[in-house]
Amino acid sequence: MTINLDELKKKIIYRSNYRGTKEMDKLLGAFTKKNINNLNYEDLIDLEKLLNLDDTNLYNFYTGVETDFKLEKNRVNLLFKNFKY
């Protein structure tokens, strides 16, 4: 099966802009727009996993609030954690 990077990027861009809360739409949309063209295939998969988290847990991770789950340490999660909106 051939992976079409352009299709994966389109899917990620859409998902990052249509989350459910306006705050996360803006935050993740800006983060994705800034970084998507600098990510390799593995990073894109990690970003897709990040986008599958619910808004509350994702926002808590971003702001440093303690959560019940641990995100794996990878490049995308580190970029997101350090992203300045």
N, C-alpha and C. Protein backbone atom coordinates (compact mmCIF):
# COMPACT_ATOMS: atom_id res chain seq x y z
N MET A 1 0.84 -1.18 0.00
CA MET A 1 0.00 0.00 0.00
C MET A 1 0.89 1.25 0.00
N THR A 2 0.62 2.16 -0.88
CA THR A 2 1.39 3.39 -0.98
C THR A 2 0.72 4.46 -0.12
N ILE A 3 1.53 5.12 0.66
CA ILE A 3 1.04 6.20 1.51
C ILE A 3 1.18 7.50 0.73
N ASN A 4 0.09 8.21 0.59
CA ASN A 4 0.10 9.49 -0.09
C ASN A 4 0.27 10.58 0.98
N LEU A 5 1.45 11.16 1.03
CA LEU A 5 1.75 12.17 2.05
C LEU A 5 0.84 13.40 1.94
N ASP A 6 0.51 13.78 0.73
CA ASP A 6 -0.37 14.94 0.55
C ASP A 6 -1.75 14.68 1.15
N GLU A 7 -2.27 13.49 0.95
CA GLU A 7 -3.58 13.14 1.52
C GLU A 7 -3.52 13.10 3.04
N LEU A 8 -2.43 12.53 3.59
CA LEU A 8 -2.26 12.49 5.03
C LEU A 8 -2.17 13.90 5.60
N LYS A 9 -1.44 14.77 4.94
CA LYS A 9 -1.32 16.17 5.39
C LYS A 9 -2.68 16.87 5.35
N LYS A 10 -3.45 16.65 4.30
CA LYS A 10 -4.79 17.27 4.20
C LYS A 10 -5.69 16.80 5.34
N LYS A 11 -5.63 15.52 5.63
CA LYS A 11 -6.42 14.95 6.72
C LYS A 11 -6.02 15.58 8.06
N ILE A 12 -4.73 15.71 8.28
CA ILE A 12 -4.22 16.29 9.53
C ILE A 12 -4.61 17.76 9.64
N ILE A 13 -4.47 18.50 8.56
CA ILE A 13 -4.83 19.93 8.56
C ILE A 13 -6.32 20.09 8.88
N TYR A 14 -7.15 19.29 8.25
CA TYR A 14 -8.59 19.37 8.51
C TYR A 14 -8.88 19.06 9.97
N ARG A 15 -8.31 17.97 10.47
CA ARG A 15 -8.57 17.54 11.86
C ARG A 15 -8.06 18.58 12.87
N SER A 16 -6.98 19.25 12.55
CA SER A 16 -6.43 20.23 13.49
C SER A 16 -7.28 21.50 13.55
N ASN A 17 -8.02 21.78 12.49
CA ASN A 17 -8.83 22.99 12.44
C ASN A 17 -10.28 22.79 12.85
N TYR A 18 -10.74 21.56 12.94
CA TYR A 18 -12.13 21.25 13.29
C TYR A 18 -12.15 20.25 14.44
N ARG A 19 -11.90 20.75 15.65
CA ARG A 19 -11.73 19.92 16.83
C ARG A 19 -13.02 19.77 17.63
N GLY A 20 -13.73 20.85 17.81
CA GLY A 20 -14.89 20.82 18.69
C GLY A 20 -14.93 22.05 19.58
N THR A 21 -13.75 22.57 19.94
CA THR A 21 -13.70 23.82 20.68
C THR A 21 -12.88 24.82 19.87
N LYS A 22 -13.33 26.05 19.87
CA LYS A 22 -12.65 27.09 19.09
C LYS A 22 -11.21 27.30 19.54
N GLU A 23 -10.99 27.19 20.85
CA GLU A 23 -9.64 27.39 21.37
C GLU A 23 -8.66 26.38 20.79
N MET A 24 -9.07 25.12 20.77
CA MET A 24 -8.20 24.08 20.25
C MET A 24 -8.12 24.14 18.72
N ASP A 25 -9.20 24.56 18.07
CA ASP A 25 -9.14 24.77 16.62
C ASP A 25 -8.03 25.75 16.28
N LYS A 26 -8.00 26.86 17.00
CA LYS A 26 -7.00 27.90 16.72
C LYS A 26 -5.60 27.45 17.10
N LEU A 27 -5.45 26.87 18.27
CA LEU A 27 -4.14 26.44 18.74
C LEU A 27 -3.55 25.35 17.85
N LEU A 28 -4.31 24.30 17.62
CA LEU A 28 -3.78 23.20 16.80
C LEU A 28 -3.68 23.58 15.33
N GLY A 29 -4.59 24.41 14.86
CA GLY A 29 -4.50 24.87 13.48
C GLY A 29 -3.22 25.66 13.23
N ALA A 30 -2.91 26.56 14.16
CA ALA A 30 -1.68 27.36 14.03
C ALA A 30 -0.44 26.48 14.15
N PHE A 31 -0.46 25.55 15.10
CA PHE A 31 0.67 24.64 15.28
C PHE A 31 0.90 23.80 14.02
N THR A 32 -0.15 23.25 13.48
CA THR A 32 -0.05 22.41 12.28
C THR A 32 0.43 23.23 11.09
N LYS A 33 -0.15 24.40 10.90
CA LYS A 33 0.25 25.25 9.77
C LYS A 33 1.74 25.58 9.82
N LYS A 34 2.24 25.85 11.02
CA LYS A 34 3.64 26.22 11.16
C LYS A 34 4.58 25.03 10.91
N ASN A 35 4.19 23.83 11.30
CA ASN A 35 5.11 22.70 11.33
C ASN A 35 4.92 21.62 10.27
N ILE A 36 3.78 21.55 9.65
CA ILE A 36 3.45 20.37 8.84
C ILE A 36 4.44 20.11 7.70
N ASN A 37 4.96 21.14 7.09
CA ASN A 37 5.87 20.93 5.97
C ASN A 37 7.29 20.57 6.40
N ASN A 38 7.55 20.61 7.70
CA ASN A 38 8.86 20.23 8.22
C ASN A 38 8.86 18.85 8.87
N LEU A 39 7.74 18.15 8.78
CA LEU A 39 7.61 16.85 9.43
C LEU A 39 7.81 15.72 8.42
N ASN A 40 8.49 14.67 8.86
CA ASN A 40 8.63 13.48 8.02
C ASN A 40 7.42 12.57 8.25
N TYR A 41 7.41 11.44 7.59
CA TYR A 41 6.26 10.53 7.67
C TYR A 41 5.99 10.09 9.10
N GLU A 42 7.02 9.69 9.84
CA GLU A 42 6.84 9.24 11.22
C GLU A 42 6.28 10.36 12.10
N ASP A 43 6.76 11.56 11.88
CA ASP A 43 6.25 12.71 12.63
C ASP A 43 4.78 12.97 12.30
N LEU A 44 4.42 12.82 11.05
CA LEU A 44 3.02 13.02 10.66
C LEU A 44 2.11 12.00 11.35
N ILE A 45 2.59 10.77 11.46
CA ILE A 45 1.82 9.73 12.16
C ILE A 45 1.69 10.11 13.64
N ASP A 46 2.76 10.60 14.24
CA ASP A 46 2.72 11.04 15.64
C ASP A 46 1.76 12.22 15.81
N LEU A 47 1.73 13.13 14.85
CA LEU A 47 0.81 14.26 14.91
C LEU A 47 -0.63 13.77 14.79
N GLU A 48 -0.86 12.81 13.94
CA GLU A 48 -2.20 12.25 13.80
C GLU A 48 -2.65 11.61 15.13
N LYS A 49 -1.75 10.92 15.81
CA LYS A 49 -2.07 10.34 17.12
C LYS A 49 -2.39 11.44 18.13
N LEU A 50 -1.61 12.51 18.11
CA LEU A 50 -1.84 13.62 19.01
C LEU A 50 -3.23 14.22 18.78
N LEU A 51 -3.62 14.34 17.53
CA LEU A 51 -4.92 14.92 17.20
C LEU A 51 -6.09 14.03 17.59
N ASN A 52 -5.82 12.77 17.87
CA ASN A 52 -6.88 11.85 18.28
C ASN A 52 -7.21 11.98 19.77
N LEU A 53 -6.41 12.73 20.51
CA LEU A 53 -6.70 12.96 21.92
C LEU A 53 -7.84 13.96 22.06
N ASP A 54 -8.59 13.85 23.15
CA ASP A 54 -9.68 14.79 23.36
C ASP A 54 -9.12 16.17 23.73
N ASP A 55 -9.91 17.19 23.48
CA ASP A 55 -9.46 18.57 23.66
C ASP A 55 -9.04 18.88 25.09
N THR A 56 -9.76 18.39 26.07
CA THR A 56 -9.44 18.69 27.46
C THR A 56 -8.07 18.17 27.84
N ASN A 57 -7.80 16.90 27.56
CA ASN A 57 -6.49 16.32 27.90
C ASN A 57 -5.37 16.97 27.10
N LEU A 58 -5.65 17.26 25.84
CA LEU A 58 -4.63 17.89 25.00
C LEU A 58 -4.30 19.29 25.50
N TYR A 59 -5.31 20.05 25.88
CA TYR A 59 -5.08 21.40 26.40
C TYR A 59 -4.34 21.33 27.74
N ASN A 60 -4.72 20.39 28.57
CA ASN A 60 -4.02 20.22 29.86
C ASN A 60 -2.56 19.87 29.64
N PHE A 61 -2.26 19.01 28.68
CA PHE A 61 -0.87 18.68 28.36
C PHE A 61 -0.13 19.93 27.91
N TYR A 62 -0.74 20.70 27.03
CA TYR A 62 -0.12 21.91 26.50
C TYR A 62 0.18 22.93 27.60
N THR A 63 -0.75 23.09 28.52
CA THR A 63 -0.60 24.11 29.56
C THR A 63 0.16 23.61 30.79
N GLY A 64 0.47 22.33 30.83
CA GLY A 64 1.24 21.79 31.94
C GLY A 64 0.42 21.31 33.11
N VAL A 65 -0.90 21.27 32.95
CA VAL A 65 -1.76 20.75 34.01
C VAL A 65 -1.57 19.23 34.06
N GLU A 66 -1.52 18.70 35.26
CA GLU A 66 -1.32 17.25 35.40
C GLU A 66 -2.50 16.49 34.81
N THR A 67 -2.18 15.44 34.08
CA THR A 67 -3.21 14.61 33.44
C THR A 67 -3.08 13.18 33.93
N ASP A 68 -4.11 12.40 33.67
CA ASP A 68 -4.11 10.99 34.07
C ASP A 68 -3.35 10.11 33.10
N PHE A 69 -2.90 10.64 32.02
CA PHE A 69 -2.22 9.84 31.01
C PHE A 69 -0.86 10.44 30.71
N LYS A 70 -0.03 9.65 30.13
CA LYS A 70 1.30 10.11 29.73
C LYS A 70 1.41 9.99 28.22
N LEU A 71 1.86 11.06 27.60
CA LEU A 71 2.13 11.02 26.16
C LEU A 71 3.53 10.51 25.94
N GLU A 72 3.71 9.75 24.88
CA GLU A 72 5.06 9.28 24.58
C GLU A 72 5.94 10.47 24.22
N LYS A 73 7.20 10.31 24.48
CA LYS A 73 8.14 11.39 24.15
C LYS A 73 8.57 11.22 22.70
N ASN A 74 8.14 12.16 21.89
CA ASN A 74 8.55 12.19 20.48
C ASN A 74 8.68 13.64 20.04
N ARG A 75 9.18 13.81 18.87
CA ARG A 75 9.46 15.15 18.35
C ARG A 75 8.21 16.03 18.27
N VAL A 76 7.11 15.46 17.79
CA VAL A 76 5.88 16.23 17.61
C VAL A 76 5.32 16.70 18.96
N ASN A 77 5.28 15.80 19.93
CA ASN A 77 4.76 16.18 21.24
C ASN A 77 5.62 17.26 21.88
N LEU A 78 6.92 17.16 21.71
CA LEU A 78 7.82 18.18 22.23
C LEU A 78 7.61 19.52 21.51
N LEU A 79 7.47 19.48 20.20
CA LEU A 79 7.19 20.71 19.44
C LEU A 79 5.89 21.35 19.91
N PHE A 80 4.87 20.53 20.10
CA PHE A 80 3.58 21.06 20.53
C PHE A 80 3.67 21.65 21.94
N LYS A 81 4.31 20.94 22.83
CA LYS A 81 4.45 21.41 24.22
C LYS A 81 5.17 22.76 24.27
N ASN A 82 6.13 22.98 23.38
CA ASN A 82 6.91 24.22 23.37
C ASN A 82 6.40 25.26 22.39
N PHE A 83 5.30 24.99 21.72
CA PHE A 83 4.74 25.91 20.73
C PHE A 83 4.18 27.15 21.42
N LYS A 84 4.54 28.30 20.89
CA LYS A 84 4.03 29.57 21.41
C LYS A 84 3.02 30.12 20.42
N TYR A 85 1.76 30.19 20.86
CA TYR A 85 0.69 30.67 19.98
C TYR A 85 0.68 32.17 19.94
